[in-house]
């Protein structure tokens, strides 16, 4: 399982960029190694891709951020 507490800001940003379709070659090599070491990236069919655990973390965290933003904007408008 990939935990948010294990990720640096750069690693989190790299995961978001990969989720949005950025190629692995555009990510810093040390960041790719670290993300692979903690299980956020995995090698499948000769390619490196996001692990299921990393995708789950991204979806949950981004949903939480979105809900917080929506809640804040609704509160602000009232």
N, C-alpha and C. Protein backbone atom coordinates (compact mmCIF):
# COMPACT_ATOMS: atom_id res chain seq x y z
N UNK A 1 0.84 -1.18 0.00
CA UNK A 1 0.00 0.00 0.00
C UNK A 1 0.88 1.24 0.00
N UNK A 2 0.51 2.20 -0.78
CA UNK A 2 1.23 3.46 -0.87
C UNK A 2 0.54 4.46 0.05
N UNK A 3 1.33 5.07 0.93
CA UNK A 3 0.78 6.03 1.88
C UNK A 3 1.21 7.44 1.51
N UNK A 4 0.33 8.38 1.71
CA UNK A 4 0.64 9.78 1.41
C UNK A 4 1.84 10.23 2.23
N UNK A 5 1.97 9.73 3.44
CA UNK A 5 3.07 10.15 4.31
C UNK A 5 4.43 9.70 3.79
N UNK A 6 4.45 8.72 2.88
CA UNK A 6 5.70 8.25 2.29
C UNK A 6 6.18 9.13 1.15
N UNK A 7 5.31 9.98 0.63
CA UNK A 7 5.62 10.74 -0.58
C UNK A 7 6.09 12.15 -0.28
N UNK A 8 7.12 12.57 -1.01
CA UNK A 8 7.53 13.97 -0.96
C UNK A 8 6.59 14.75 -1.89
N UNK A 9 6.68 16.04 -1.84
CA UNK A 9 5.86 16.87 -2.73
C UNK A 9 6.19 16.58 -4.18
N UNK A 10 7.48 16.43 -4.50
CA UNK A 10 7.88 16.13 -5.88
C UNK A 10 7.34 14.78 -6.34
N UNK A 11 7.35 13.80 -5.46
CA UNK A 11 6.84 12.47 -5.81
C UNK A 11 5.33 12.52 -6.04
N UNK A 12 4.62 13.26 -5.20
CA UNK A 12 3.17 13.41 -5.37
C UNK A 12 2.86 14.08 -6.71
N UNK A 13 3.59 15.15 -7.02
CA UNK A 13 3.38 15.86 -8.29
C UNK A 13 3.70 14.94 -9.47
N UNK A 14 4.73 14.12 -9.35
CA UNK A 14 5.08 13.18 -10.42
C UNK A 14 3.96 12.17 -10.64
N UNK A 15 3.38 11.66 -9.56
CA UNK A 15 2.27 10.72 -9.69
C UNK A 15 1.08 11.37 -10.38
N UNK A 16 0.77 12.60 -10.00
CA UNK A 16 -0.35 13.30 -10.64
C UNK A 16 -0.08 13.50 -12.13
N UNK A 17 1.16 13.86 -12.47
CA UNK A 17 1.51 14.05 -13.88
C UNK A 17 1.38 12.75 -14.65
N UNK A 18 1.82 11.65 -14.04
CA UNK A 18 1.70 10.35 -14.71
C UNK A 18 0.23 9.97 -14.90
N UNK A 19 -0.60 10.24 -13.90
CA UNK A 19 -2.03 9.95 -14.01
C UNK A 19 -2.66 10.75 -15.15
N UNK A 20 -2.16 11.94 -15.38
CA UNK A 20 -2.69 12.80 -16.43
C UNK A 20 -2.10 12.48 -17.80
N UNK A 21 -1.26 11.44 -17.88
CA UNK A 21 -0.77 10.99 -19.17
C UNK A 21 0.65 11.36 -19.53
N UNK A 22 1.35 12.01 -18.63
CA UNK A 22 2.75 12.36 -18.91
C UNK A 22 3.58 11.08 -19.01
N UNK A 23 4.57 11.08 -19.88
CA UNK A 23 5.39 9.88 -20.04
C UNK A 23 6.41 9.78 -18.92
N UNK A 24 6.79 8.55 -18.62
CA UNK A 24 7.74 8.28 -17.54
C UNK A 24 9.09 8.92 -17.82
N UNK A 25 9.43 9.08 -19.08
CA UNK A 25 10.73 9.66 -19.46
C UNK A 25 10.86 11.12 -19.04
N UNK A 26 9.75 11.78 -18.82
CA UNK A 26 9.79 13.20 -18.44
C UNK A 26 9.88 13.39 -16.93
N UNK A 27 9.88 12.28 -16.19
CA UNK A 27 9.97 12.33 -14.73
C UNK A 27 11.43 12.06 -14.33
N UNK A 28 11.91 12.76 -13.33
CA UNK A 28 13.27 12.59 -12.82
C UNK A 28 13.54 11.12 -12.49
N UNK A 29 14.70 10.62 -12.91
CA UNK A 29 15.06 9.22 -12.71
C UNK A 29 15.08 8.79 -11.25
N UNK A 30 15.57 9.66 -10.37
CA UNK A 30 15.59 9.32 -8.94
C UNK A 30 14.17 9.22 -8.38
N UNK A 31 13.30 10.06 -8.86
CA UNK A 31 11.90 10.02 -8.43
C UNK A 31 11.25 8.73 -8.89
N UNK A 32 11.52 8.33 -10.13
CA UNK A 32 10.97 7.07 -10.65
C UNK A 32 11.46 5.90 -9.81
N UNK A 33 12.76 5.89 -9.48
CA UNK A 33 13.32 4.79 -8.67
C UNK A 33 12.65 4.74 -7.30
N UNK A 34 12.52 5.88 -6.67
CA UNK A 34 11.90 5.94 -5.33
C UNK A 34 10.45 5.48 -5.39
N UNK A 35 9.69 5.94 -6.40
CA UNK A 35 8.29 5.54 -6.53
C UNK A 35 8.17 4.04 -6.80
N UNK A 36 9.13 3.49 -7.53
CA UNK A 36 9.14 2.05 -7.77
C UNK A 36 9.46 1.31 -6.47
N UNK A 37 10.43 1.82 -5.71
CA UNK A 37 10.83 1.18 -4.45
C UNK A 37 9.68 1.11 -3.44
N UNK A 38 8.84 2.15 -3.39
CA UNK A 38 7.74 2.14 -2.42
C UNK A 38 6.47 1.50 -2.97
N UNK A 39 6.51 1.07 -4.23
CA UNK A 39 5.38 0.35 -4.80
C UNK A 39 4.37 1.20 -5.53
N UNK A 40 4.69 2.47 -5.76
CA UNK A 40 3.76 3.34 -6.48
C UNK A 40 3.82 3.11 -7.99
N UNK A 41 4.96 2.62 -8.45
CA UNK A 41 5.12 2.28 -9.86
C UNK A 41 5.47 0.81 -9.95
N UNK A 42 5.04 0.17 -11.02
CA UNK A 42 5.37 -1.24 -11.23
C UNK A 42 5.67 -1.48 -12.69
N UNK A 43 6.44 -2.51 -12.93
CA UNK A 43 6.78 -2.87 -14.30
C UNK A 43 5.80 -3.93 -14.79
N UNK A 44 5.14 -3.64 -15.89
CA UNK A 44 4.19 -4.58 -16.51
C UNK A 44 4.45 -4.63 -18.00
N UNK A 45 4.57 -5.82 -18.52
CA UNK A 45 4.79 -6.01 -19.95
C UNK A 45 5.93 -5.13 -20.47
N UNK A 46 6.99 -5.01 -19.67
CA UNK A 46 8.15 -4.24 -20.08
C UNK A 46 8.01 -2.73 -19.95
N UNK A 47 6.89 -2.27 -19.42
CA UNK A 47 6.67 -0.84 -19.23
C UNK A 47 6.46 -0.54 -17.75
N UNK A 48 6.79 0.67 -17.35
CA UNK A 48 6.55 1.10 -15.98
C UNK A 48 5.22 1.85 -15.96
N UNK A 49 4.36 1.49 -15.02
CA UNK A 49 3.06 2.16 -14.92
C UNK A 49 2.67 2.32 -13.45
N UNK A 50 1.65 3.12 -13.22
CA UNK A 50 1.14 3.31 -11.86
C UNK A 50 0.60 2.00 -11.31
N UNK A 51 0.90 1.72 -10.06
CA UNK A 51 0.34 0.54 -9.42
C UNK A 51 -1.11 0.83 -9.04
N UNK A 52 -1.86 -0.22 -8.77
CA UNK A 52 -3.26 -0.05 -8.34
C UNK A 52 -3.33 0.75 -7.05
N UNK A 53 -2.38 0.49 -6.14
CA UNK A 53 -2.37 1.21 -4.86
C UNK A 53 -2.13 2.71 -5.08
N UNK A 54 -1.25 3.05 -6.01
CA UNK A 54 -0.99 4.46 -6.30
C UNK A 54 -2.20 5.12 -6.93
N UNK A 55 -2.85 4.42 -7.85
CA UNK A 55 -4.06 4.98 -8.48
C UNK A 55 -5.16 5.20 -7.44
N UNK A 56 -5.31 4.25 -6.52
CA UNK A 56 -6.31 4.39 -5.47
C UNK A 56 -6.00 5.60 -4.60
N UNK A 57 -4.73 5.76 -4.21
CA UNK A 57 -4.33 6.91 -3.40
C UNK A 57 -4.61 8.22 -4.14
N UNK A 58 -4.26 8.27 -5.42
CA UNK A 58 -4.50 9.48 -6.21
C UNK A 58 -5.98 9.82 -6.28
N UNK A 59 -6.80 8.85 -6.57
CA UNK A 59 -8.24 9.08 -6.70
C UNK A 59 -8.83 9.54 -5.37
N UNK A 60 -8.49 8.84 -4.29
CA UNK A 60 -9.04 9.20 -2.97
C UNK A 60 -8.58 10.58 -2.53
N UNK A 61 -7.30 10.86 -2.69
CA UNK A 61 -6.76 12.13 -2.24
C UNK A 61 -7.30 13.30 -3.07
N UNK A 62 -7.38 13.10 -4.39
CA UNK A 62 -7.88 14.17 -5.24
C UNK A 62 -9.38 14.40 -5.00
N UNK A 63 -10.12 13.35 -4.70
CA UNK A 63 -11.54 13.50 -4.36
C UNK A 63 -11.69 14.28 -3.06
N UNK A 64 -10.83 13.98 -2.09
CA UNK A 64 -10.88 14.70 -0.81
C UNK A 64 -10.57 16.18 -1.02
N UNK A 65 -9.57 16.47 -1.84
CA UNK A 65 -9.22 17.86 -2.13
C UNK A 65 -10.38 18.56 -2.83
N UNK A 66 -11.00 17.88 -3.78
CA UNK A 66 -12.13 18.45 -4.52
C UNK A 66 -13.30 18.74 -3.59
N UNK A 67 -13.61 17.79 -2.69
CA UNK A 67 -14.70 18.01 -1.74
C UNK A 67 -14.40 19.19 -0.83
N UNK A 68 -13.15 19.30 -0.40
CA UNK A 68 -12.78 20.41 0.48
C UNK A 68 -12.92 21.74 -0.25
N UNK A 69 -12.50 21.76 -1.50
CA UNK A 69 -12.63 23.00 -2.28
C UNK A 69 -14.10 23.35 -2.49
N UNK A 70 -14.92 22.37 -2.82
CA UNK A 70 -16.35 22.62 -3.03
C UNK A 70 -17.01 23.09 -1.74
N UNK A 71 -16.65 22.48 -0.64
CA UNK A 71 -17.21 22.88 0.66
C UNK A 71 -16.81 24.31 0.98
N UNK A 72 -15.54 24.64 0.77
CA UNK A 72 -15.07 26.00 1.06
C UNK A 72 -15.77 27.02 0.18
N UNK A 73 -15.96 26.70 -1.10
CA UNK A 73 -16.59 27.67 -2.00
C UNK A 73 -18.07 27.85 -1.66
N UNK A 74 -18.74 26.79 -1.24
CA UNK A 74 -20.14 26.91 -0.84
C UNK A 74 -20.26 27.74 0.43
N UNK A 75 -19.35 27.52 1.35
CA UNK A 75 -19.37 28.29 2.59
C UNK A 75 -19.10 29.76 2.30
N UNK A 76 -18.15 30.01 1.40
CA UNK A 76 -17.78 31.37 1.06
C UNK A 76 -18.95 32.12 0.43
N UNK A 77 -19.73 31.43 -0.41
CA UNK A 77 -20.85 32.09 -1.10
C UNK A 77 -22.00 32.40 -0.16
N UNK A 78 -22.15 31.66 0.92
CA UNK A 78 -23.28 31.86 1.83
C UNK A 78 -23.05 33.07 2.63
